[in-house]
Amino acid sequence: MSGKWNARVLYELVTQGSVRFGALRKSIPDISNTMLTATLRFLEEQGLVHREQFNEIPPHVEYSLSESGKALIPVFDAIGRWGETYLK
């Protein structure tokens, strides 16, 4: 699962939960719309991200971690603890 933005997008979904594209884009200021779209599609294809489309007026889409994606939460927690210990 290489790629510059994959871990960052997953981290944002770990910390924010279910989120719309625009909110996710604002939380990662350096990523372009095109790259965020491609990254979300890739992560969805890999089974890590769930995309839910709401057929409301106006329609919108929310992204969240799938069950497989949620299995990565302990990994992000461990990385956070490592950073708190060694990157002071």
PDB file of N, CA and C in Angstrom:
ATOM      1  N   MET A   1       0.836  -1.181   0.000  1.00  0.00           N
ATOM      2  CA  MET A   1       0.000   0.000   0.000  1.00  0.00           C
ATOM      3  C   MET A   1       0.879   1.242   0.000  1.00  0.00           C
ATOM      4  N   SER A   2       1.717   1.337  -1.000  1.00  0.00           N
ATOM      5  CA  SER A   2       2.573   2.509  -1.100  1.00  0.00           C
ATOM      6  C   SER A   2       1.761   3.677  -1.653  1.00  0.00           C
ATOM      7  N   GLY A   3       2.330   4.824  -1.577  1.00  0.00           N
ATOM      8  CA  GLY A   3       1.657   6.023  -2.052  1.00  0.00           C
ATOM      9  C   GLY A   3       1.797   7.116  -1.012  1.00  0.00           C
ATOM     10  N   LYS A   4       2.074   8.307  -1.490  1.00  0.00           N
ATOM     11  CA  LYS A   4       2.349   9.426  -0.595  1.00  0.00           C
ATOM     12  C   LYS A   4       1.180   9.747   0.334  1.00  0.00           C
ATOM     13  N   TRP A   5      -0.042   9.622  -0.145  1.00  0.00           N
ATOM     14  CA  TRP A   5      -1.194  10.126   0.599  1.00  0.00           C
ATOM     15  C   TRP A   5      -2.018   9.064   1.302  1.00  0.00           C
ATOM     16  N   ASN A   6      -1.778   7.806   1.037  1.00  0.00           N
ATOM     17  CA  ASN A   6      -2.629   6.749   1.598  1.00  0.00           C
ATOM     18  C   ASN A   6      -2.685   6.789   3.123  1.00  0.00           C
ATOM     19  N   ALA A   7      -1.533   6.808   3.764  1.00  0.00           N
ATOM     20  CA  ALA A   7      -1.498   6.801   5.234  1.00  0.00           C
ATOM     21  C   ALA A   7      -2.136   8.065   5.796  1.00  0.00           C
ATOM     22  N   ARG A   8      -1.911   9.194   5.155  1.00  0.00           N
ATOM     23  CA  ARG A   8      -2.471  10.453   5.658  1.00  0.00           C
ATOM     24  C   ARG A   8      -3.992  10.459   5.577  1.00  0.00           C
ATOM     25  N   VAL A   9      -4.525   9.987   4.461  1.00  0.00           N
ATOM     26  CA  VAL A   9      -5.982   9.927   4.311  1.00  0.00           C
ATOM     27  C   VAL A   9      -6.569   8.956   5.329  1.00  0.00           C
ATOM     28  N   LEU A  10      -5.942   7.803   5.501  1.00  0.00           N
ATOM     29  CA  LEU A  10      -6.419   6.842   6.495  1.00  0.00           C
ATOM     30  C   LEU A  10      -6.370   7.439   7.895  1.00  0.00           C
ATOM     31  N   TYR A  11      -5.285   8.151   8.207  1.00  0.00           N
ATOM     32  CA  TYR A  11      -5.165   8.785   9.525  1.00  0.00           C
ATOM     33  C   TYR A  11      -6.314   9.767   9.760  1.00  0.00           C
ATOM     34  N   GLU A  12      -6.617  10.568   8.759  1.00  0.00           N
ATOM     35  CA  GLU A  12      -7.712  11.532   8.903  1.00  0.00           C
ATOM     36  C   GLU A  12      -9.042  10.818   9.129  1.00  0.00           C
ATOM     37  N   LEU A  13      -9.249   9.700   8.463  1.00  0.00           N
ATOM     38  CA  LEU A  13     -10.483   8.943   8.672  1.00  0.00           C
ATOM     39  C   LEU A  13     -10.503   8.276  10.041  1.00  0.00           C
ATOM     40  N   VAL A  14      -9.330   7.876  10.540  1.00  0.00           N
ATOM     41  CA  VAL A  14      -9.246   7.327  11.899  1.00  0.00           C
ATOM     42  C   VAL A  14      -9.658   8.395  12.905  1.00  0.00           C
ATOM     43  N   THR A  15      -9.151   9.608  12.737  1.00  0.00           N
ATOM     44  CA  THR A  15      -9.390  10.658  13.724  1.00  0.00           C
ATOM     45  C   THR A  15     -10.739  11.359  13.553  1.00  0.00           C
ATOM     46  N   GLN A  16     -11.255  11.432  12.322  1.00  0.00           N
ATOM     47  CA  GLN A  16     -12.491  12.182  12.077  1.00  0.00           C
ATOM     48  C   GLN A  16     -13.734  11.313  11.951  1.00  0.00           C
ATOM     49  N   GLY A  17     -13.564  10.047  11.688  1.00  0.00           N
ATOM     50  CA  GLY A  17     -14.724   9.184  11.467  1.00  0.00           C
ATOM     51  C   GLY A  17     -15.291   9.398  10.079  1.00  0.00           C
ATOM     52  N   SER A  18     -16.604   9.415   9.959  1.00  0.00           N
ATOM     53  CA  SER A  18     -17.265   9.614   8.678  1.00  0.00           C
ATOM     54  C   SER A  18     -17.157  11.084   8.281  1.00  0.00           C
ATOM     55  N   VAL A  19     -16.703  11.327   7.053  1.00  0.00           N
ATOM     56  CA  VAL A  19     -16.410  12.702   6.653  1.00  0.00           C
ATOM     57  C   VAL A  19     -16.707  12.898   5.164  1.00  0.00           C
ATOM     58  N   ARG A  20     -17.125  14.101   4.832  1.00  0.00           N
ATOM     59  CA  ARG A  20     -17.347  14.465   3.432  1.00  0.00           C
ATOM     60  C   ARG A  20     -16.021  14.810   2.764  1.00  0.00           C
ATOM     61  N   PHE A  21     -16.045  14.773   1.428  1.00  0.00           N
ATOM     62  CA  PHE A  21     -14.850  15.053   0.641  1.00  0.00           C
ATOM     63  C   PHE A  21     -14.265  16.417   0.990  1.00  0.00           C
ATOM     64  N   GLY A  22     -15.094  17.444   1.037  1.00  0.00           N
ATOM     65  CA  GLY A  22     -14.610  18.800   1.294  1.00  0.00           C
ATOM     66  C   GLY A  22     -13.935  18.938   2.641  1.00  0.00           C
ATOM     67  N   ALA A  23     -14.506  18.311   3.657  1.00  0.00           N
ATOM     68  CA  ALA A  23     -13.902  18.372   4.991  1.00  0.00           C
ATOM     69  C   ALA A  23     -12.577  17.622   5.016  1.00  0.00           C
ATOM     70  N   LEU A  24     -12.532  16.506   4.313  1.00  0.00           N
ATOM     71  CA  LEU A  24     -11.284  15.749   4.233  1.00  0.00           C
ATOM     72  C   LEU A  24     -10.226  16.555   3.496  1.00  0.00           C
ATOM     73  N   ARG A  25     -10.630  17.219   2.430  1.00  0.00           N
ATOM     74  CA  ARG A  25      -9.709  18.057   1.643  1.00  0.00           C
ATOM     75  C   ARG A  25      -9.155  19.195   2.499  1.00  0.00           C
ATOM     76  N   LYS A  26      -9.978  19.811   3.325  1.00  0.00           N
ATOM     77  CA  LYS A  26      -9.523  20.903   4.191  1.00  0.00           C
ATOM     78  C   LYS A  26      -8.544  20.418   5.249  1.00  0.00           C
ATOM     79  N   SER A  27      -8.687  19.181   5.683  1.00  0.00           N
ATOM     80  CA  SER A  27      -7.797  18.666   6.727  1.00  0.00           C
ATOM     81  C   SER A  27      -6.441  18.242   6.177  1.00  0.00           C
ATOM     82  N   ILE A  28      -6.317  18.163   4.844  1.00  0.00           N
ATOM     83  CA  ILE A  28      -5.042  17.829   4.198  1.00  0.00           C
ATOM     84  C   ILE A  28      -4.764  18.918   3.163  1.00  0.00           C
ATOM     85  N   PRO A  29      -4.277  20.070   3.578  1.00  0.00           N
ATOM     86  CA  PRO A  29      -4.195  21.221   2.670  1.00  0.00           C
ATOM     87  C   PRO A  29      -3.284  21.032   1.457  1.00  0.00           C
ATOM     88  N   ASP A  30      -2.286  20.173   1.535  1.00  0.00           N
ATOM     89  CA  ASP A  30      -1.338  20.033   0.429  1.00  0.00           C
ATOM     90  C   ASP A  30      -1.795  19.076  -0.667  1.00  0.00           C
ATOM     91  N   ILE A  31      -2.890  18.359  -0.475  1.00  0.00           N
ATOM     92  CA  ILE A  31      -3.349  17.392  -1.473  1.00  0.00           C
ATOM     93  C   ILE A  31      -4.306  18.076  -2.451  1.00  0.00           C
ATOM     94  N   SER A  32      -4.174  17.740  -3.727  1.00  0.00           N
ATOM     95  CA  SER A  32      -5.084  18.299  -4.731  1.00  0.00           C
ATOM     96  C   SER A  32      -6.383  17.492  -4.748  1.00  0.00           C
ATOM     97  N   ASN A  33      -7.416  18.084  -5.312  1.00  0.00           N
ATOM     98  CA  ASN A  33      -8.690  17.375  -5.439  1.00  0.00           C
ATOM     99  C   ASN A  33      -8.524  16.086  -6.240  1.00  0.00           C
ATOM    100  N   THR A  34      -7.747  16.167  -7.320  1.00  0.00           N
ATOM    101  CA  THR A  34      -7.523  14.997  -8.170  1.00  0.00           C
ATOM    102  C   THR A  34      -6.830  13.885  -7.405  1.00  0.00           C
ATOM    103  N   MET A  35      -5.810  14.230  -6.642  1.00  0.00           N
ATOM    104  CA  MET A  35      -5.068  13.217  -5.892  1.00  0.00           C
ATOM    105  C   MET A  35      -5.908  12.645  -4.756  1.00  0.00           C
ATOM    106  N   LEU A  36      -6.697  13.481  -4.095  1.00  0.00           N
ATOM    107  CA  LEU A  36      -7.563  12.971  -3.034  1.00  0.00           C
ATOM    108  C   LEU A  36      -8.597  12.008  -3.613  1.00  0.00           C
ATOM    109  N   THR A  37      -9.167  12.354  -4.749  1.00  0.00           N
ATOM    110  CA  THR A  37     -10.128  11.466  -5.403  1.00  0.00           C
ATOM    111  C   THR A  37      -9.480  10.137  -5.755  1.00  0.00           C
ATOM    112  N   ALA A  38      -8.297  10.185  -6.353  1.00  0.00           N
ATOM    113  CA  ALA A  38      -7.596   8.955  -6.737  1.00  0.00           C
ATOM    114  C   ALA A  38      -7.236   8.120  -5.514  1.00  0.00           C
ATOM    115  N   THR A  39      -6.804   8.773  -4.447  1.00  0.00           N
ATOM    116  CA  THR A  39      -6.429   8.063  -3.224  1.00  0.00           C
ATOM    117  C   THR A  39      -7.643   7.399  -2.593  1.00  0.00           C
ATOM    118  N   LEU A  40      -8.745   8.109  -2.507  1.00  0.00           N
ATOM    119  CA  LEU A  40      -9.968   7.532  -1.945  1.00  0.00           C
ATOM    120  C   LEU A  40     -10.452   6.349  -2.777  1.00  0.00           C
ATOM    121  N   ARG A  41     -10.389   6.474  -4.092  1.00  0.00           N
ATOM    122  CA  ARG A  41     -10.795   5.356  -4.956  1.00  0.00           C
ATOM    123  C   ARG A  41      -9.905   4.143  -4.727  1.00  0.00           C
ATOM    124  N   PHE A  42      -8.592   4.377  -4.647  1.00  0.00           N
ATOM    125  CA  PHE A  42      -7.658   3.276  -4.415  1.00  0.00           C
ATOM    126  C   PHE A  42      -7.944   2.599  -3.076  1.00  0.00           C
ATOM    127  N   LEU A  43      -8.110   3.385  -2.028  1.00  0.00           N
ATOM    128  CA  LEU A  43      -8.362   2.820  -0.699  1.00  0.00           C
ATOM    129  C   LEU A  43      -9.702   2.095  -0.651  1.00  0.00           C
ATOM    130  N   GLU A  44     -10.671   2.582  -1.412  1.00  0.00           N
ATOM    131  CA  GLU A  44     -11.957   1.886  -1.498  1.00  0.00           C
ATOM    132  C   GLU A  44     -11.788   0.551  -2.234  1.00  0.00           C
ATOM    133  N   GLU A  45     -11.028   0.559  -3.330  1.00  0.00           N
ATOM    134  CA  GLU A  45     -10.761  -0.676  -4.071  1.00  0.00           C
ATOM    135  C   GLU A  45     -10.027  -1.702  -3.218  1.00  0.00           C
ATOM    136  N   GLN A  46      -9.178  -1.225  -2.313  1.00  0.00           N
ATOM    137  CA  GLN A  46      -8.423  -2.116  -1.433  1.00  0.00           C
ATOM    138  C   GLN A  46      -9.264  -2.609  -0.256  1.00  0.00           C
ATOM    139  N   GLY A  47     -10.464  -2.083  -0.117  1.00  0.00           N
ATOM    140  CA  GLY A  47     -11.355  -2.510   0.947  1.00  0.00           C
ATOM    141  C   GLY A  47     -11.114  -1.833   2.283  1.00  0.00           C
ATOM    142  N   LEU A  48     -10.380  -0.715   2.282  1.00  0.00           N
ATOM    143  CA  LEU A  48     -10.059  -0.020   3.527  1.00  0.00           C
ATOM    144  C   LEU A  48     -11.001   1.141   3.825  1.00  0.00           C
ATOM    145  N   VAL A  49     -11.624   1.666   2.793  1.00  0.00           N
ATOM    146  CA  VAL A  49     -12.503   2.827   2.933  1.00  0.00           C
ATOM    147  C   VAL A  49     -13.886   2.473   2.399  1.00  0.00           C
ATOM    148  N   HIS A  50     -14.891   2.940   3.114  1.00  0.00           N
ATOM    149  CA  HIS A  50     -16.286   2.763   2.700  1.00  0.00           C
ATOM    150  C   HIS A  50     -16.797   4.105   2.186  1.00  0.00           C
ATOM    151  N   ARG A  51     -17.404   4.082   1.018  1.00  0.00           N
ATOM    152  CA  ARG A  51     -17.999   5.278   0.414  1.00  0.00           C
ATOM    153  C   ARG A  51     -19.513   5.127   0.477  1.00  0.00           C
ATOM    154  N   GLU A  52     -20.174   6.099   1.097  1.00  0.00           N
ATOM    155  CA  GLU A  52     -21.631   6.049   1.195  1.00  0.00           C
ATOM    156  C   GLU A  52     -22.228   7.272   0.524  1.00  0.00           C
ATOM    157  N   GLN A  53     -23.079   7.018  -0.457  1.00  0.00           N
ATOM    158  CA  GLN A  53     -23.738   8.100  -1.178  1.00  0.00           C
ATOM    159  C   GLN A  53     -25.139   8.286  -0.613  1.00  0.00           C
ATOM    160  N   PHE A  54     -25.473   9.532  -0.278  1.00  0.00           N
ATOM    161  CA  PHE A  54     -26.780   9.880   0.258  1.00  0.00           C
ATOM    162  C   PHE A  54     -27.598  10.543  -0.846  1.00  0.00           C
ATOM    163  N   ASN A  55     -28.707   9.942  -1.187  1.00  0.00           N
ATOM    164  CA  ASN A  55     -29.571  10.477  -2.245  1.00  0.00           C
ATOM    165  C   ASN A  55     -30.568  11.455  -1.648  1.00  0.00           C
ATOM    166  N   GLU A  56     -30.032  12.566  -1.188  1.00  0.00           N
ATOM    167  CA  GLU A  56     -30.829  13.639  -0.610  1.00  0.00           C
ATOM    168  C   GLU A  56     -30.725  14.848  -1.520  1.00  0.00           C
ATOM    169  N   ILE A  57     -31.353  15.910  -1.149  1.00  0.00           N
ATOM    170  CA  ILE A  57     -31.226  17.165  -1.878  1.00  0.00           C
ATOM    171  C   ILE A  57     -30.504  18.140  -0.969  1.00  0.00           C
ATOM    172  N   PRO A  58     -29.312  18.595  -1.238  1.00  0.00           N
ATOM    173  CA  PRO A  58     -28.468  18.111  -2.329  1.00  0.00           C
ATOM    174  C   PRO A  58     -27.822  16.770  -1.971  1.00  0.00           C
ATOM    175  N   PRO A  59     -27.494  15.973  -2.981  1.00  0.00           N
ATOM    176  CA  PRO A  59     -26.840  14.691  -2.709  1.00  0.00           C
ATOM    177  C   PRO A  59     -25.434  14.915  -2.168  1.00  0.00           C
ATOM    178  N   HIS A  60     -24.987  14.001  -1.341  1.00  0.00           N
ATOM    179  CA  HIS A  60     -23.612  14.085  -0.857  1.00  0.00           C
ATOM    180  C   HIS A  60     -23.066  12.694  -0.594  1.00  0.00           C
ATOM    181  N   VAL A  61     -21.747  12.636  -0.441  1.00  0.00           N
ATOM    182  CA  VAL A  61     -21.029  11.382  -0.213  1.00  0.00           C
ATOM    183  C   VAL A  61     -20.209  11.534   1.054  1.00  0.00           C
ATOM    184  N   GLU A  62     -20.167  10.487   1.858  1.00  0.00           N
ATOM    185  CA  GLU A  62     -19.309  10.464   3.044  1.00  0.00           C
ATOM    186  C   GLU A  62     -18.387   9.260   2.965  1.00  0.00           C
ATOM    187  N   TYR A  63     -17.180   9.464   3.460  1.00  0.00           N
ATOM    188  CA  TYR A  63     -16.171   8.409   3.491  1.00  0.00           C
ATOM    189  C   TYR A  63     -15.881   8.043   4.937  1.00  0.00           C
ATOM    190  N   SER A  64     -15.672   6.766   5.173  1.00  0.00           N
ATOM    191  CA  SER A  64     -15.325   6.277   6.506  1.00  0.00           C
ATOM    192  C   SER A  64     -14.475   5.026   6.346  1.00  0.00           C
ATOM    193  N   LEU A  65     -13.920   4.569   7.445  1.00  0.00           N
ATOM    194  CA  LEU A  65     -13.148   3.333   7.408  1.00  0.00           C
ATOM    195  C   LEU A  65     -14.088   2.138   7.303  1.00  0.00           C
ATOM    196  N   SER A  66     -13.715   1.176   6.489  1.00  0.00           N
ATOM    197  CA  SER A  66     -14.438  -0.091   6.446  1.00  0.00           C
ATOM    198  C   SER A  66     -14.001  -0.920   7.656  1.00  0.00           C
ATOM    199  N   GLU A  67     -14.556  -2.098   7.802  1.00  0.00           N
ATOM    200  CA  GLU A  67     -14.123  -2.969   8.902  1.00  0.00           C
ATOM    201  C   GLU A  67     -12.638  -3.293   8.775  1.00  0.00           C
ATOM    202  N   SER A  68     -12.167  -3.546   7.556  1.00  0.00           N
ATOM    203  CA  SER A  68     -10.734  -3.798   7.344  1.00  0.00           C
ATOM    204  C   SER A  68      -9.913  -2.566   7.687  1.00  0.00           C
ATOM    205  N   GLY A  69     -10.419  -1.407   7.328  1.00  0.00           N
ATOM    206  CA  GLY A  69      -9.729  -0.162   7.656  1.00  0.00           C
ATOM    207  C   GLY A  69      -9.660   0.075   9.148  1.00  0.00           C
ATOM    208  N   LYS A  70     -10.737  -0.262   9.859  1.00  0.00           N
ATOM    209  CA  LYS A  70     -10.752  -0.094  11.316  1.00  0.00           C
ATOM    210  C   LYS A  70      -9.718  -0.983  11.994  1.00  0.00           C
ATOM    211  N   ALA A  71      -9.341  -2.073  11.341  1.00  0.00           N
ATOM    212  CA  ALA A  71      -8.307  -2.948  11.895  1.00  0.00           C
ATOM    213  C   ALA A  71      -6.950  -2.249  11.944  1.00  0.00           C
ATOM    214  N   LEU A  72      -6.806  -1.137  11.224  1.00  0.00           N
ATOM    215  CA  LEU A  72      -5.554  -0.368  11.237  1.00  0.00           C
ATOM    216  C   LEU A  72      -5.477   0.622  12.395  1.00  0.00           C
ATOM    217  N   ILE A  73      -6.559   0.834  13.112  1.00  0.00           N
ATOM    218  CA  ILE A  73      -6.555   1.805  14.211  1.00  0.00           C
ATOM    219  C   ILE A  73      -5.465   1.503  15.234  1.00  0.00           C
ATOM    220  N   PRO A  74      -5.265   0.249  15.666  1.00  0.00           N
ATOM    221  CA  PRO A  74      -4.171  -0.021  16.612  1.00  0.00           C
ATOM    222  C   PRO A  74      -2.790   0.324  16.047  1.00  0.00           C
ATOM    223  N   VAL A  75      -2.632   0.207  14.740  1.00  0.00           N
ATOM    224  CA  VAL A  75      -1.356   0.565  14.108  1.00  0.00           C
ATOM    225  C   VAL A  75      -1.122   2.067  14.245  1.00  0.00           C
ATOM    226  N   PHE A  76      -2.129   2.870  13.939  1.00  0.00           N
ATOM    227  CA  PHE A  76      -1.991   4.322  14.076  1.00  0.00           C
ATOM    228  C   PHE A  76      -1.801   4.722  15.538  1.00  0.00           C
ATOM    229  N   ASP A  77      -2.476   4.031  16.455  1.00  0.00           N
ATOM    230  CA  ASP A  77      -2.279   4.294  17.885  1.00  0.00           C
ATOM    231  C   ASP A  77      -0.843   4.006  18.295  1.00  0.00           C
ATOM    232  N   ALA A  78      -0.293   2.899  17.818  1.00  0.00           N
ATOM    233  CA  ALA A  78       1.084   2.524  18.153  1.00  0.00           C
ATOM    234  C   ALA A  78       2.079   3.536  17.587  1.00  0.00           C
ATOM    235  N   ILE A  79       1.846   3.992  16.377  1.00  0.00           N
ATOM    236  CA  ILE A  79       2.722   5.004  15.785  1.00  0.00           C
ATOM    237  C   ILE A  79       2.652   6.294  16.593  1.00  0.00           C
ATOM    238  N   GLY A  80       1.456   6.669  17.030  1.00  0.00           N
ATOM    239  CA  GLY A  80       1.300   7.868  17.859  1.00  0.00           C
ATOM    240  C   GLY A  80       2.048   7.751  19.174  1.00  0.00           C
ATOM    241  N   ARG A  81       1.941   6.596  19.828  1.00  0.00           N
ATOM    242  CA  ARG A  81       2.666   6.386  21.092  1.00  0.00           C
ATOM    243  C   ARG A  81       4.171   6.414  20.864  1.00  0.00           C
ATOM    244  N   TRP A  82       4.630   5.822  19.760  1.00  0.00           N
ATOM    245  CA  TRP A  82       6.056   5.843  19.435  1.00  0.00           C
ATOM    246  C   TRP A  82       6.515   7.291  19.266  1.00  0.00           C
ATOM    247  N   GLY A  83       5.739   8.089  18.549  1.00  0.00           N
ATOM    248  CA  GLY A  83       6.094   9.488  18.341  1.00  0.00           C
ATOM    249  C   GLY A  83       6.154  10.270  19.637  1.00  0.00           C
ATOM    250  N   GLU A  84       5.204  10.023  20.532  1.00  0.00           N
ATOM    251  CA  GLU A  84       5.209  10.709  21.824  1.00  0.00           C
ATOM    252  C   GLU A  84       6.426  10.333  22.655  1.00  0.00           C
ATOM    253  N   THR A  85       6.894   9.110  22.504  1.00  0.00           N
ATOM    254  CA  THR A  85       8.043   8.635  23.278  1.00  0.00           C
ATOM    255  C   THR A  85       9.367   9.115  22.699  1.00  0.00           C
ATOM    256  N   TYR A  86       9.523   9.030  21.394  1.00  0.00           N
ATOM    257  CA  TYR A  86      10.831   9.244  20.781  1.00  0.00           C
ATOM    258  C   TYR A  86      10.992  10.560  20.034  1.00  0.00           C
ATOM    259  N   LEU A  87       9.946  11.285  19.801  1.00  0.00           N
ATOM    260  CA  LEU A  87      10.056  12.527  19.036  1.00  0.00           C
ATOM    261  C   LEU A  87       9.760  13.746  19.894  1.00  0.00           C
ATOM    262  N   LYS A  88      10.287  13.741  21.095  1.00  0.00           N
ATOM    263  CA  LYS A  88      10.082  14.874  22.008  1.00  0.00           C
ATOM    264  C   LYS A  88      11.056  15.978  21.731  1.00  0.00           C
TER     265      LYS A  88
END
